[in-house]
Amino acid sequence: MLDHITQTTLLLDEAKCRQNIAMMAEKADRNNIRLRPHFKTHQSAQVGEWFRETGTTGITVSSLKMARYFASHGWTDILVAIPVNIREMALVNELAAKVQLHLVAVNIETVQALSEKVLHPVQVWLKIDTGYHRTGIPPHSHEQLDATVALLEQSDKLQFTGVLAHDGHTYKQTDADAIRTIHHTTVFLLNLVRDRYKARFPELKISIGDTPSCSILQTITGVDEIRPGNYVFYDLTQQHIGSCSFDQIAVCMACPVIAKHPERNEIIVHGGSVHFSKDSLVGADGSVIFGRVVALTENGWSEPLEGIEVVSLSQEHGTIRASKALFDRYKIGDLMGILPVHSCLTADVMGSYTTLEGERLEHLSGIGQV
């Protein structure tokens, strides 16, 4: 299969991907909670079918257009996890007429606009800021919460379904206990909010979603559903955090070698920020790395090689610094395997996948629906 690759290509190991999907499905079943996986990582109808085979019925997406894409492929229970953009009300109504649409609100103005303009029933979740500080209603902002919930209660189209959070600050941790602490704090705060309204809304749900905590914790209690997404592929960031091992990373870039510079032991590949994005990690020695080099085989790839790494990216070029022995291993025209720092963004900019069997899988960004 490698002989047929002529340009920068994102490889997908289907077996690893399916193992990751099955692992989280089993964990949710074991903890008696619902898994509503976030599809923003893969954004692929074909990969979505692998989730369906494990029993997934409800999904999370990161835009209304992504919701439309997956609705067109038969998904009927869809949560749009970003706070709803009220300028897209026409698309809200289009989707709400076809699927069970879940929307997220973080302010009363959004709820007011929805209550005035939605034409079909919509499930509304309030996003609570439990420590990430990106967006959300603070859990102790009782006046704001009470007013928003009262408005939901008055609407005949909006159903107050639950409270949710995204612990994005787990991505800055590498200590499992710190991740557990963040998770338990979030669950505690979400339960405080739910308890305030549970007498009026006895079916109110709690939903959390971040791959580090959902990967590291084996026992998850106090919530009704989890929404991890990155675990479908994992990446170097998740391995650095401790969410996964290298052999669980299910995507790898195949980049052609286009230049070599022996005077500085640097290899140039066709694989830059337009292929990987510009996410980076700080290595153990303080160096900034943009990817880790692996040995490609017909059956996949190795763990990262020591003594060689991606040290910079420009728009189309990637610069690889190598030991003398590894520098001599590659020649012009070879393919170099590189594990991405952030698989979500890498998949998004690449717009498609090629499996190890040579099958091309689609990605939303590569089929004109962006």
Protein backbone atom coordinates (compact mmCIF):
# COMPACT_ATOMS: atom_id res chain seq x y z
CA MET A 1 0.00 0.00 0.00
CA LEU A 2 2.85 2.42 0.80
CA ASP A 3 4.17 2.13 -2.76
CA HIS A 4 0.97 3.75 -4.04
CA ILE A 5 1.24 6.86 -1.81
CA THR A 6 2.45 9.83 -3.86
CA GLN A 7 1.68 12.75 -1.56
CA THR A 8 1.22 13.64 2.10
CA THR A 9 -1.39 11.18 3.38
CA LEU A 10 -3.11 10.63 6.72
CA LEU A 11 -3.05 6.90 7.46
CA LEU A 12 -5.72 5.32 9.66
CA ASP A 13 -5.23 2.01 11.45
CA GLU A 14 -8.79 0.67 11.51
CA ALA A 15 -8.01 -2.09 14.00
CA LYS A 16 -6.58 0.35 16.58
CA CYS A 17 -9.44 2.76 15.98
CA ARG A 18 -12.05 0.05 16.54
CA GLN A 19 -10.25 -1.08 19.70
CA ASN A 20 -10.37 2.47 21.06
CA ILE A 21 -14.08 2.73 20.24
CA ALA A 22 -14.83 -0.60 21.89
CA MET A 23 -12.77 0.27 24.98
CA MET A 24 -14.81 3.39 25.78
CA ALA A 25 -18.11 1.68 24.96
CA GLU A 26 -17.25 -1.10 27.39
CA LYS A 27 -16.28 1.40 30.09
CA ALA A 28 -19.58 3.26 29.72
CA ASP A 29 -21.53 0.00 29.89
CA ARG A 30 -19.60 -1.14 32.95
CA ASN A 31 -20.34 2.14 34.73
CA ASN A 32 -23.98 2.15 33.62
CA ILE A 33 -23.69 5.54 31.93
CA ARG A 34 -24.49 6.65 28.42
CA LEU A 35 -21.71 7.24 25.93
CA ARG A 36 -22.42 10.15 23.58
CA PRO A 37 -19.10 10.31 21.71
CA HIS A 38 -17.89 13.56 20.23
CA PHE A 39 -17.57 13.14 16.47
CA LYS A 40 -15.53 16.35 15.90
CA THR A 41 -12.32 14.30 15.96
CA HIS A 42 -13.06 11.99 13.03
CA GLN A 43 -15.93 13.81 11.22
CA SER A 44 -16.39 10.76 8.99
CA ALA A 45 -19.57 8.90 8.12
CA GLN A 46 -17.62 5.65 7.69
CA VAL A 47 -15.87 5.91 11.05
CA GLY A 48 -19.24 6.82 12.57
CA GLU A 49 -20.56 3.43 11.49
CA TRP A 50 -17.88 1.73 13.62
CA PHE A 51 -19.40 3.48 16.65
CA ARG A 52 -22.89 2.39 15.65
CA GLU A 53 -21.70 -1.22 15.64
CA THR A 54 -20.86 -0.92 19.36
CA GLY A 55 -24.33 0.36 20.21
CA THR A 56 -23.87 4.15 20.00
CA THR A 57 -27.16 5.94 19.31
CA GLY A 58 -26.54 9.52 20.44
CA ILE A 59 -23.61 11.64 19.30
CA THR A 60 -21.95 14.99 19.99
CA VAL A 61 -20.78 17.41 17.28
CA SER A 62 -19.14 20.83 17.31
CA SER A 63 -21.27 22.73 14.79
CA LEU A 64 -24.74 22.78 13.31
CA LYS A 65 -23.27 22.01 9.88
CA MET A 66 -21.59 18.94 11.33
CA ALA A 67 -24.96 17.99 12.82
CA ARG A 68 -26.52 18.30 9.35
CA TYR A 69 -23.81 16.05 7.88
CA PHE A 70 -24.33 13.27 10.41
CA ALA A 71 -28.12 13.66 10.28
CA SER A 72 -27.85 12.98 6.55
CA HIS A 73 -26.15 9.69 7.46
CA GLY A 74 -28.93 8.49 9.72
CA TRP A 75 -27.98 9.86 13.15
CA THR A 76 -31.11 11.12 14.90
CA ASP A 77 -29.99 12.09 18.43
CA ILE A 78 -27.41 14.88 18.13
CA LEU A 79 -25.94 17.28 20.69
CA VAL A 80 -24.23 20.39 19.32
CA ALA A 81 -21.73 21.04 22.10
CA ILE A 82 -20.70 24.61 21.23
CA PRO A 83 -23.03 27.36 22.52
CA VAL A 84 -25.63 27.82 19.81
CA ASN A 85 -25.10 30.63 17.30
CA ILE A 86 -28.49 32.34 17.10
CA ARG A 87 -27.67 33.69 13.63
CA GLU A 88 -28.09 30.09 12.39
CA MET A 89 -31.71 29.80 13.47
CA ALA A 90 -32.80 28.60 10.03
CA LEU A 91 -30.43 25.64 10.35
CA VAL A 92 -31.61 25.02 13.92
CA ASN A 93 -35.16 24.72 12.66
CA GLU A 94 -34.14 22.58 9.69
CA LEU A 95 -32.43 20.08 12.00
CA ALA A 96 -35.04 20.19 14.77
CA ALA A 97 -37.66 19.14 12.23
CA LYS A 98 -35.70 15.95 11.44
CA VAL A 99 -33.78 14.85 14.55
CA GLN A 100 -33.79 15.05 18.30
CA LEU A 101 -31.62 18.15 18.49
CA HIS A 102 -29.76 19.08 21.67
CA LEU A 103 -28.41 22.63 21.96
CA VAL A 104 -26.14 24.30 24.49
CA ALA A 105 -26.76 27.72 26.04
CA VAL A 106 -24.55 29.80 28.32
CA ASN A 107 -26.67 32.94 28.64
CA ILE A 108 -30.27 34.04 28.89
CA GLU A 109 -30.11 35.96 25.60
CA THR A 110 -29.64 32.73 23.66
CA VAL A 111 -32.53 31.06 25.45
CA GLN A 112 -34.72 34.10 24.75
CA ALA A 113 -33.88 33.97 21.02
CA LEU A 114 -34.55 30.24 20.87
CA SER A 115 -37.87 30.59 22.70
CA GLU A 116 -39.00 33.19 20.17
CA LYS A 117 -37.81 31.52 16.97
CA VAL A 118 -37.66 27.73 17.22
CA LEU A 119 -40.46 26.00 15.37
CA HIS A 120 -39.93 22.47 16.67
CA PRO A 121 -39.08 20.93 20.06
CA VAL A 122 -35.43 21.31 21.07
CA GLN A 123 -33.51 19.90 24.04
CA VAL A 124 -31.50 22.60 25.83
CA TRP A 125 -28.48 22.01 28.05
CA LEU A 126 -26.92 24.69 30.20
CA LYS A 127 -23.14 24.67 30.08
CA ILE A 128 -21.54 25.22 33.47
CA ASP A 129 -18.03 26.62 33.91
CA THR A 130 -16.53 24.25 36.45
CA GLY A 131 -12.96 25.49 36.13
CA TYR A 132 -11.90 25.53 32.47
CA HIS A 133 -12.92 29.21 32.12
CA ARG A 134 -13.50 29.08 28.37
CA THR A 135 -17.24 29.67 28.57
CA GLY A 136 -20.20 28.63 30.64
CA ILE A 137 -22.33 29.83 33.54
CA PRO A 138 -20.50 29.78 36.89
CA PRO A 139 -22.14 27.15 39.14
CA HIS A 140 -22.81 29.65 41.95
CA SER A 141 -24.39 32.30 39.69
CA HIS A 142 -27.81 31.46 41.09
CA GLU A 143 -29.55 34.60 39.85
CA GLN A 144 -28.43 34.01 36.27
CA LEU A 145 -29.22 30.31 36.45
CA ASP A 146 -32.65 30.86 38.01
CA ALA A 147 -33.66 33.42 35.38
CA THR A 148 -32.48 31.19 32.54
CA VAL A 149 -34.22 28.10 33.90
CA ALA A 150 -37.45 30.09 34.46
CA LEU A 151 -37.39 31.14 30.80
CA LEU A 152 -36.88 27.53 29.70
CA GLU A 153 -39.76 26.47 31.91
CA GLN A 154 -42.11 28.95 30.22
CA SER A 155 -41.34 27.75 26.69
CA ASP A 156 -43.51 25.17 24.98
CA LYS A 157 -40.73 24.23 22.53
CA LEU A 158 -37.62 24.23 24.73
CA GLN A 159 -37.01 21.35 27.11
CA PHE A 160 -34.48 21.86 29.90
CA THR A 161 -32.63 18.56 29.56
CA GLY A 162 -29.53 18.89 31.70
CA VAL A 163 -26.29 20.56 32.69
CA LEU A 164 -22.95 19.80 31.12
CA ALA A 165 -19.29 20.75 31.28
CA HIS A 166 -16.07 20.23 29.38
CA ASP A 167 -12.97 19.82 31.52
CA GLY A 168 -10.55 21.26 28.98
CA HIS A 169 -8.10 22.04 31.78
CA THR A 170 -7.31 18.32 32.09
CA TYR A 171 -5.30 18.79 28.87
CA LYS A 172 -2.74 20.80 30.84
CA GLN A 173 -2.10 17.94 33.27
CA THR A 174 0.24 14.97 33.18
CA ASP A 175 -0.59 13.66 36.65
CA ALA A 176 -3.44 11.17 36.90
CA ASP A 177 -4.40 12.31 40.39
CA ALA A 178 -4.69 15.92 39.21
CA ILE A 179 -7.01 14.78 36.41
CA ARG A 180 -9.11 12.79 38.88
CA THR A 181 -9.37 15.85 41.14
CA ILE A 182 -10.56 18.04 38.26
CA HIS A 183 -13.10 15.41 37.27
CA HIS A 184 -14.49 14.94 40.78
CA THR A 185 -14.71 18.71 41.30
CA THR A 186 -16.68 19.09 38.09
CA VAL A 187 -19.05 16.25 38.98
CA PHE A 188 -19.62 17.77 42.43
CA LEU A 189 -20.39 21.23 40.99
CA LEU A 190 -22.71 19.87 38.29
CA ASN A 191 -24.63 17.92 40.90
CA LEU A 192 -25.02 21.08 42.99
CA VAL A 193 -26.62 22.80 40.00
CA ARG A 194 -28.83 19.81 39.18
CA ASP A 195 -29.99 19.49 42.78
CA ARG A 196 -31.16 23.11 42.74
CA TYR A 197 -33.67 22.31 39.98
CA LYS A 198 -34.32 18.60 40.33
CA ALA A 199 -37.64 18.99 42.14
CA ARG A 200 -39.02 20.87 39.12
CA PHE A 201 -37.11 18.83 36.54
CA PRO A 202 -36.77 15.29 37.95
CA GLU A 203 -35.29 13.91 34.71
CA LEU A 204 -32.46 16.46 34.56
CA LYS A 205 -29.22 14.90 33.27
CA ILE A 206 -25.52 15.52 33.87
CA SER A 207 -23.05 15.21 30.99
CA ILE A 208 -19.27 15.57 30.99
CA GLY A 209 -16.82 15.29 28.14
CA ASP A 210 -13.05 15.17 27.99
CA THR A 211 -10.82 12.36 26.80
CA PRO A 212 -8.20 12.53 29.59
CA SER A 213 -10.59 11.91 32.49
CA CYS A 214 -12.74 9.46 30.55
CA SER A 215 -9.61 7.51 29.61
CA ILE A 216 -7.80 7.55 32.95
CA LEU A 217 -10.75 6.88 35.27
CA GLN A 218 -12.03 3.33 35.41
CA THR A 219 -14.95 4.16 37.70
CA ILE A 220 -17.17 7.08 36.70
CA THR A 221 -20.08 8.00 38.96
CA GLY A 222 -22.40 10.94 39.50
CA VAL A 223 -23.04 11.57 35.80
CA ASP A 224 -25.53 10.28 33.25
CA GLU A 225 -23.39 10.48 30.12
CA ILE A 226 -19.84 11.07 28.90
CA ARG A 227 -18.80 12.81 25.68
CA PRO A 228 -15.12 12.07 24.93
CA GLY A 229 -14.02 12.41 21.32
CA ASN A 230 -10.26 12.36 20.80
CA TYR A 231 -9.98 8.78 22.09
CA VAL A 232 -11.12 7.46 18.72
CA PHE A 233 -7.62 8.24 17.36
CA TYR A 234 -5.66 9.56 20.35
CA ASP A 235 -2.43 11.49 19.59
CA LEU A 236 0.87 12.64 21.08
CA THR A 237 -0.87 15.10 23.38
CA GLN A 238 -2.99 12.36 24.91
CA GLN A 239 0.04 10.10 25.27
CA HIS A 240 1.90 12.96 26.98
CA ILE A 241 -1.02 13.47 29.38
CA GLY A 242 -1.19 9.75 30.14
CA SER A 243 -4.54 9.03 28.48
CA CYS A 244 -3.12 6.40 26.14
CA SER A 245 -0.02 4.50 25.09
CA PHE A 246 1.79 5.04 21.79
CA ASP A 247 0.29 1.83 20.39
CA GLN A 248 -3.25 3.22 20.81
CA ILE A 249 -2.59 6.15 18.47
CA ALA A 250 -4.62 5.21 15.40
CA VAL A 251 -3.52 7.86 12.87
CA CYS A 252 -0.15 8.62 11.36
CA MET A 253 0.96 10.96 8.61
CA ALA A 254 2.97 9.58 5.70
CA CYS A 255 5.18 12.41 4.41
CA PRO A 256 7.48 12.25 1.37
CA VAL A 257 11.12 13.20 1.96
CA ILE A 258 11.90 16.09 -0.38
CA ALA A 259 15.31 17.34 0.82
CA LYS A 260 18.26 16.41 3.07
CA HIS A 261 20.88 18.65 4.67
CA PRO A 262 23.78 16.62 6.05
CA GLU A 263 25.61 19.68 7.34
CA ARG A 264 22.93 20.01 10.03
CA ASN A 265 21.44 16.49 10.03
CA GLU A 266 18.04 17.82 8.93
CA ILE A 267 15.51 16.13 6.67
CA ILE A 268 12.77 18.14 4.94
CA VAL A 269 9.43 16.45 4.30
CA HIS A 270 6.36 17.60 2.46
CA GLY A 271 4.25 17.95 5.56
CA GLY A 272 3.73 21.36 7.12
CA SER A 273 1.18 23.32 9.09
CA VAL A 274 -1.40 22.94 6.30
CA HIS A 275 -1.22 19.20 6.99
CA PHE A 276 -0.62 18.99 10.76
CA SER A 277 -1.78 22.39 12.10
CA LYS A 278 0.80 24.09 14.32
CA ASP A 279 0.06 22.43 17.64
CA SER A 280 3.21 21.49 19.52
CA LEU A 281 4.47 19.82 22.68
CA VAL A 282 7.40 20.62 24.93
CA GLY A 283 9.75 17.64 25.16
CA ALA A 284 11.44 16.36 28.29
CA ASP A 285 14.54 18.41 27.45
CA GLY A 286 12.53 21.59 26.92
CA SER A 287 12.57 21.41 23.13
CA VAL A 288 9.41 22.10 21.13
CA ILE A 289 8.26 19.20 18.98
CA PHE A 290 5.61 19.17 16.26
CA GLY A 291 5.44 15.40 15.77
CA ARG A 292 7.29 12.15 16.45
CA VAL A 293 8.83 10.03 13.70
CA VAL A 294 7.91 6.35 13.42
CA ALA A 295 8.99 3.58 11.06
CA LEU A 296 6.28 2.82 8.51
CA THR A 297 5.49 -0.76 7.52
CA GLU A 298 2.84 -2.35 5.34
CA ASN A 299 1.02 -3.32 8.55
CA GLY A 300 1.22 0.03 10.33
CA TRP A 301 4.00 1.79 12.19
CA SER A 302 6.40 1.45 15.09
CA GLU A 303 6.56 3.36 18.35
CA PRO A 304 8.41 6.70 18.01
CA LEU A 305 12.07 6.42 17.12
CA GLU A 306 14.57 7.96 19.50
CA GLY A 307 17.03 10.52 18.17
CA ILE A 308 14.73 12.01 15.53
CA GLU A 309 11.78 14.39 15.76
CA VAL A 310 9.86 17.14 13.97
CA VAL A 311 11.37 20.43 15.17
CA SER A 312 9.53 22.99 13.01
CA LEU A 313 6.69 23.39 10.54
CA SER A 314 6.17 26.05 7.91
CA GLN A 315 3.23 26.09 5.54
CA GLU A 316 4.20 23.09 3.39
CA HIS A 317 7.55 22.01 4.85
CA GLY A 318 8.36 19.96 7.92
CA THR A 319 11.88 20.01 9.36
CA ILE A 320 13.13 16.77 10.95
CA ARG A 321 16.29 16.79 13.04
CA ALA A 322 17.96 13.37 13.30
CA SER A 323 20.96 11.57 14.70
CA LYS A 324 23.59 10.70 12.07
CA ALA A 325 22.50 7.05 12.00
CA LEU A 326 18.84 7.89 11.46
CA PHE A 327 19.64 10.70 9.01
CA ASP A 328 21.45 8.17 6.82
CA ARG A 329 18.48 5.78 6.92
CA TYR A 330 16.28 8.02 4.72
CA LYS A 331 16.73 8.98 1.09
CA ILE A 332 14.94 11.43 -1.18
CA GLY A 333 11.53 10.05 -2.15
CA ASP A 334 11.12 7.86 0.95
CA LEU A 335 8.00 8.10 3.08
CA MET A 336 8.46 9.19 6.66
CA GLY A 337 5.81 8.35 9.25
CA ILE A 338 4.93 11.09 11.74
CA LEU A 339 2.52 10.84 14.67
CA PRO A 340 0.49 14.07 15.07
CA VAL A 341 0.44 16.23 18.18
CA HIS A 342 -3.30 16.87 17.79
CA SER A 343 -5.24 14.35 15.73
CA CYS A 344 -8.47 16.40 15.64
CA LEU A 345 -6.87 19.33 13.85
CA THR A 346 -4.65 17.13 11.67
CA ALA A 347 -7.70 15.19 10.46
CA ASP A 348 -9.59 18.42 9.86
CA VAL A 349 -6.91 20.01 7.69
CA MET A 350 -6.21 16.78 5.78
CA GLY A 351 -9.85 16.17 4.90
CA SER A 352 -9.62 12.39 4.35
CA TYR A 353 -8.04 9.17 5.58
CA THR A 354 -6.41 6.20 3.89
CA THR A 355 -6.67 2.93 5.79
CA LEU A 356 -3.79 0.47 5.95
CA GLU A 357 -5.76 -1.60 3.44
CA GLY A 358 -5.72 1.33 0.98
CA GLU A 359 -9.37 2.37 1.38
CA ARG A 360 -10.07 6.10 1.32
CA LEU A 361 -12.50 7.34 3.96
CA GLU A 362 -14.22 10.71 3.76
CA HIS A 363 -14.02 13.61 6.21
CA LEU A 364 -16.57 16.42 6.39
CA SER A 365 -13.98 19.10 5.61
CA GLY A 366 -12.96 17.30 2.44
CA ILE A 367 -16.39 17.04 0.82
CA GLY A 368 -17.41 20.68 0.56
CA GLN A 369 -19.68 20.88 3.63
CA VAL A 370 -17.63 23.28 5.74
